[in-house]
Amino acid sequence: MRKKSSKGRAKIRKRAMAKAVTTRQRTVQEMQKALGLDKIEPITLTPSDAADFRQKGDPFKEWYEQELRRVYRRKK
């Protein structure tokens, strides 16, 4: 039975750490800025829509982030 050298493990850890740093997930704001979406003004909500939004939250938030990440990956 052969022992694995600690030197080989160190190389693997360094590569894994380097990859983790380079593949950090961008924030929504960073992706919007990179795609030029930060210049788009959101629509104005009516008072009833605003009250509904406050009570129920944003039903499209997760979907928007998923689609934004998909588009961002394609544009890179």
N, C-alpha and C. Protein backbone atom coordinates (compact mmCIF):
# COMPACT_ATOMS: atom_id res chain seq x y z
N MET A 1 0.84 -1.17 0.00
CA MET A 1 0.00 0.00 0.00
C MET A 1 0.89 1.24 0.00
N ARG A 2 0.62 2.17 -0.92
CA ARG A 2 1.42 3.38 -1.02
C ARG A 2 0.72 4.54 -0.37
N LYS A 3 1.49 5.37 0.26
CA LYS A 3 0.92 6.57 0.87
C LYS A 3 0.89 7.69 -0.15
N LYS A 4 -0.15 8.49 -0.08
CA LYS A 4 -0.23 9.65 -0.95
C LYS A 4 0.63 10.75 -0.37
N SER A 5 1.30 11.44 -1.24
CA SER A 5 2.15 12.52 -0.74
C SER A 5 1.30 13.74 -0.42
N SER A 6 1.72 14.45 0.58
CA SER A 6 0.98 15.66 0.95
C SER A 6 1.22 16.75 -0.08
N LYS A 7 2.31 16.63 -0.84
CA LYS A 7 2.61 17.61 -1.87
C LYS A 7 1.54 17.60 -2.97
N GLY A 8 1.10 16.42 -3.36
CA GLY A 8 0.06 16.30 -4.38
C GLY A 8 -1.26 16.87 -3.92
N ARG A 9 -1.56 16.67 -2.66
CA ARG A 9 -2.82 17.22 -2.11
C ARG A 9 -2.79 18.73 -2.08
N ALA A 10 -1.62 19.29 -1.79
CA ALA A 10 -1.51 20.75 -1.74
C ALA A 10 -1.77 21.36 -3.11
N LYS A 11 -1.27 20.70 -4.16
CA LYS A 11 -1.51 21.20 -5.52
C LYS A 11 -2.99 21.18 -5.86
N ILE A 12 -3.65 20.10 -5.47
CA ILE A 12 -5.09 19.98 -5.74
C ILE A 12 -5.85 21.05 -4.99
N ARG A 13 -5.50 21.29 -3.74
CA ARG A 13 -6.18 22.33 -2.95
C ARG A 13 -5.97 23.70 -3.57
N LYS A 14 -4.75 23.99 -4.01
CA LYS A 14 -4.47 25.29 -4.62
C LYS A 14 -5.29 25.49 -5.88
N ARG A 15 -5.38 24.45 -6.71
CA ARG A 15 -6.19 24.55 -7.93
C ARG A 15 -7.66 24.73 -7.60
N ALA A 16 -8.15 24.00 -6.60
CA ALA A 16 -9.56 24.11 -6.20
C ALA A 16 -9.84 25.50 -5.66
N MET A 17 -8.93 26.04 -4.88
CA MET A 17 -9.12 27.38 -4.32
C MET A 17 -9.10 28.43 -5.43
N ALA A 18 -8.19 28.28 -6.38
CA ALA A 18 -8.11 29.23 -7.49
C ALA A 18 -9.40 29.19 -8.31
N LYS A 19 -9.91 28.00 -8.53
CA LYS A 19 -11.16 27.87 -9.29
C LYS A 19 -12.33 28.47 -8.51
N ALA A 20 -12.36 28.27 -7.21
CA ALA A 20 -13.43 28.81 -6.38
C ALA A 20 -13.43 30.33 -6.42
N VAL A 21 -12.26 30.92 -6.44
CA VAL A 21 -12.17 32.38 -6.47
C VAL A 21 -12.63 32.91 -7.82
N THR A 22 -12.26 32.24 -8.90
CA THR A 22 -12.63 32.74 -10.22
C THR A 22 -14.09 32.46 -10.58
N THR A 23 -14.72 31.50 -9.94
CA THR A 23 -16.11 31.17 -10.27
C THR A 23 -17.09 31.70 -9.24
N ARG A 24 -16.71 32.73 -8.52
CA ARG A 24 -17.59 33.34 -7.53
C ARG A 24 -18.85 33.84 -8.23
N GLN A 25 -19.97 33.61 -7.59
CA GLN A 25 -21.23 34.06 -8.18
C GLN A 25 -21.34 35.57 -8.07
N ARG A 26 -21.69 36.17 -9.16
CA ARG A 26 -21.89 37.62 -9.19
C ARG A 26 -23.20 37.97 -8.51
N THR A 27 -23.25 39.17 -7.97
CA THR A 27 -24.50 39.64 -7.37
C THR A 27 -25.43 40.08 -8.50
N VAL A 28 -26.68 40.23 -8.18
CA VAL A 28 -27.66 40.68 -9.16
C VAL A 28 -27.26 42.06 -9.69
N GLN A 29 -26.80 42.94 -8.80
CA GLN A 29 -26.42 44.29 -9.22
C GLN A 29 -25.22 44.26 -10.16
N GLU A 30 -24.24 43.38 -9.89
CA GLU A 30 -23.07 43.28 -10.77
C GLU A 30 -23.46 42.78 -12.16
N MET A 31 -24.35 41.80 -12.21
CA MET A 31 -24.78 41.27 -13.50
C MET A 31 -25.60 42.31 -14.27
N GLN A 32 -26.47 43.02 -13.57
CA GLN A 32 -27.27 44.05 -14.22
C GLN A 32 -26.38 45.14 -14.81
N LYS A 33 -25.37 45.53 -14.07
CA LYS A 33 -24.45 46.56 -14.54
C LYS A 33 -23.67 46.07 -15.75
N ALA A 34 -23.18 44.83 -15.71
CA ALA A 34 -22.41 44.27 -16.82
C ALA A 34 -23.25 44.15 -18.09
N LEU A 35 -24.53 43.88 -17.93
CA LEU A 35 -25.43 43.73 -19.09
C LEU A 35 -26.09 45.04 -19.50
N GLY A 36 -25.86 46.11 -18.73
CA GLY A 36 -26.46 47.41 -19.05
C GLY A 36 -27.89 47.55 -18.59
N LEU A 37 -28.35 46.63 -17.75
CA LEU A 37 -29.73 46.67 -17.28
C LEU A 37 -29.92 47.62 -16.11
N ASP A 38 -28.82 48.12 -15.55
CA ASP A 38 -28.92 49.02 -14.41
C ASP A 38 -29.44 50.40 -14.81
N LYS A 39 -29.47 50.69 -16.11
CA LYS A 39 -29.93 51.99 -16.59
C LYS A 39 -31.44 52.02 -16.85
N ILE A 40 -32.10 50.88 -16.73
CA ILE A 40 -33.53 50.78 -17.00
C ILE A 40 -34.30 51.15 -15.73
N GLU A 41 -35.23 52.06 -15.87
CA GLU A 41 -36.05 52.49 -14.74
C GLU A 41 -37.21 51.50 -14.55
N PRO A 42 -37.49 51.10 -13.31
CA PRO A 42 -38.62 50.19 -13.07
C PRO A 42 -39.95 50.92 -13.26
N ILE A 43 -40.99 50.15 -13.54
CA ILE A 43 -42.30 50.76 -13.71
C ILE A 43 -42.81 51.28 -12.37
N THR A 44 -43.69 52.23 -12.43
CA THR A 44 -44.29 52.79 -11.22
C THR A 44 -45.49 51.94 -10.84
N LEU A 45 -45.55 51.56 -9.58
CA LEU A 45 -46.66 50.74 -9.11
C LEU A 45 -47.81 51.62 -8.64
N THR A 46 -49.01 51.12 -8.85
CA THR A 46 -50.18 51.80 -8.30
C THR A 46 -50.19 51.57 -6.79
N PRO A 47 -50.90 52.40 -6.04
CA PRO A 47 -50.95 52.19 -4.59
C PRO A 47 -51.44 50.80 -4.19
N SER A 48 -52.42 50.26 -4.91
CA SER A 48 -52.92 48.93 -4.57
C SER A 48 -51.88 47.85 -4.89
N ASP A 49 -51.15 48.02 -6.00
CA ASP A 49 -50.08 47.07 -6.35
C ASP A 49 -48.95 47.13 -5.32
N ALA A 50 -48.62 48.34 -4.89
CA ALA A 50 -47.56 48.52 -3.90
C ALA A 50 -47.93 47.86 -2.58
N ALA A 51 -49.19 47.99 -2.16
CA ALA A 51 -49.65 47.36 -0.92
C ALA A 51 -49.61 45.84 -1.05
N ASP A 52 -50.03 45.34 -2.19
CA ASP A 52 -50.00 43.90 -2.45
C ASP A 52 -48.56 43.38 -2.45
N PHE A 53 -47.68 44.15 -3.04
CA PHE A 53 -46.27 43.79 -3.10
C PHE A 53 -45.66 43.72 -1.70
N ARG A 54 -46.02 44.68 -0.85
CA ARG A 54 -45.51 44.69 0.54
C ARG A 54 -46.02 43.49 1.33
N GLN A 55 -47.26 43.11 1.11
CA GLN A 55 -47.85 42.00 1.85
C GLN A 55 -47.31 40.65 1.39
N LYS A 56 -47.27 40.43 0.09
CA LYS A 56 -46.93 39.12 -0.46
C LYS A 56 -45.46 38.97 -0.84
N GLY A 57 -44.75 40.08 -0.97
CA GLY A 57 -43.35 39.99 -1.42
C GLY A 57 -43.29 39.95 -2.94
N ASP A 58 -42.10 39.77 -3.46
CA ASP A 58 -41.89 39.76 -4.91
C ASP A 58 -42.00 38.33 -5.43
N PRO A 59 -43.08 38.00 -6.14
CA PRO A 59 -43.25 36.63 -6.61
C PRO A 59 -42.29 36.25 -7.75
N PHE A 60 -41.67 37.24 -8.39
CA PHE A 60 -40.81 36.97 -9.53
C PHE A 60 -39.32 37.07 -9.22
N LYS A 61 -38.96 37.32 -7.97
CA LYS A 61 -37.56 37.55 -7.61
C LYS A 61 -36.66 36.37 -7.97
N GLU A 62 -37.00 35.17 -7.55
CA GLU A 62 -36.18 33.99 -7.83
C GLU A 62 -36.10 33.71 -9.33
N TRP A 63 -37.23 33.82 -10.01
CA TRP A 63 -37.26 33.59 -11.45
C TRP A 63 -36.38 34.60 -12.17
N TYR A 64 -36.46 35.86 -11.79
CA TYR A 64 -35.65 36.92 -12.41
C TYR A 64 -34.16 36.63 -12.21
N GLU A 65 -33.76 36.26 -11.00
CA GLU A 65 -32.35 35.98 -10.73
C GLU A 65 -31.86 34.78 -11.54
N GLN A 66 -32.67 33.74 -11.67
CA GLN A 66 -32.28 32.58 -12.47
C GLN A 66 -32.08 32.96 -13.93
N GLU A 67 -33.03 33.70 -14.47
CA GLU A 67 -32.93 34.12 -15.87
C GLU A 67 -31.77 35.08 -16.09
N LEU A 68 -31.54 35.97 -15.14
CA LEU A 68 -30.42 36.91 -15.24
C LEU A 68 -29.09 36.16 -15.25
N ARG A 69 -28.96 35.15 -14.39
CA ARG A 69 -27.73 34.35 -14.36
C ARG A 69 -27.54 33.58 -15.68
N ARG A 70 -28.64 33.06 -16.23
CA ARG A 70 -28.57 32.33 -17.49
C ARG A 70 -28.11 33.25 -18.62
N VAL A 71 -28.69 34.43 -18.71
CA VAL A 71 -28.32 35.39 -19.75
C VAL A 71 -26.88 35.86 -19.55
N TYR A 72 -26.50 36.10 -18.32
CA TYR A 72 -25.14 36.57 -18.03
C TYR A 72 -24.10 35.53 -18.45
N ARG A 73 -24.37 34.25 -18.15
CA ARG A 73 -23.44 33.18 -18.54
C ARG A 73 -23.29 33.11 -20.07
N ARG A 74 -24.39 33.31 -20.78
CA ARG A 74 -24.35 33.26 -22.24
C ARG A 74 -23.57 34.42 -22.84
N LYS A 75 -23.66 35.59 -22.20
CA LYS A 75 -23.02 36.80 -22.74
C LYS A 75 -21.52 36.86 -22.43
N LYS A 76 -21.05 36.09 -21.44
CA LYS A 76 -19.62 36.15 -21.07
C LYS A 76 -18.75 35.72 -22.16
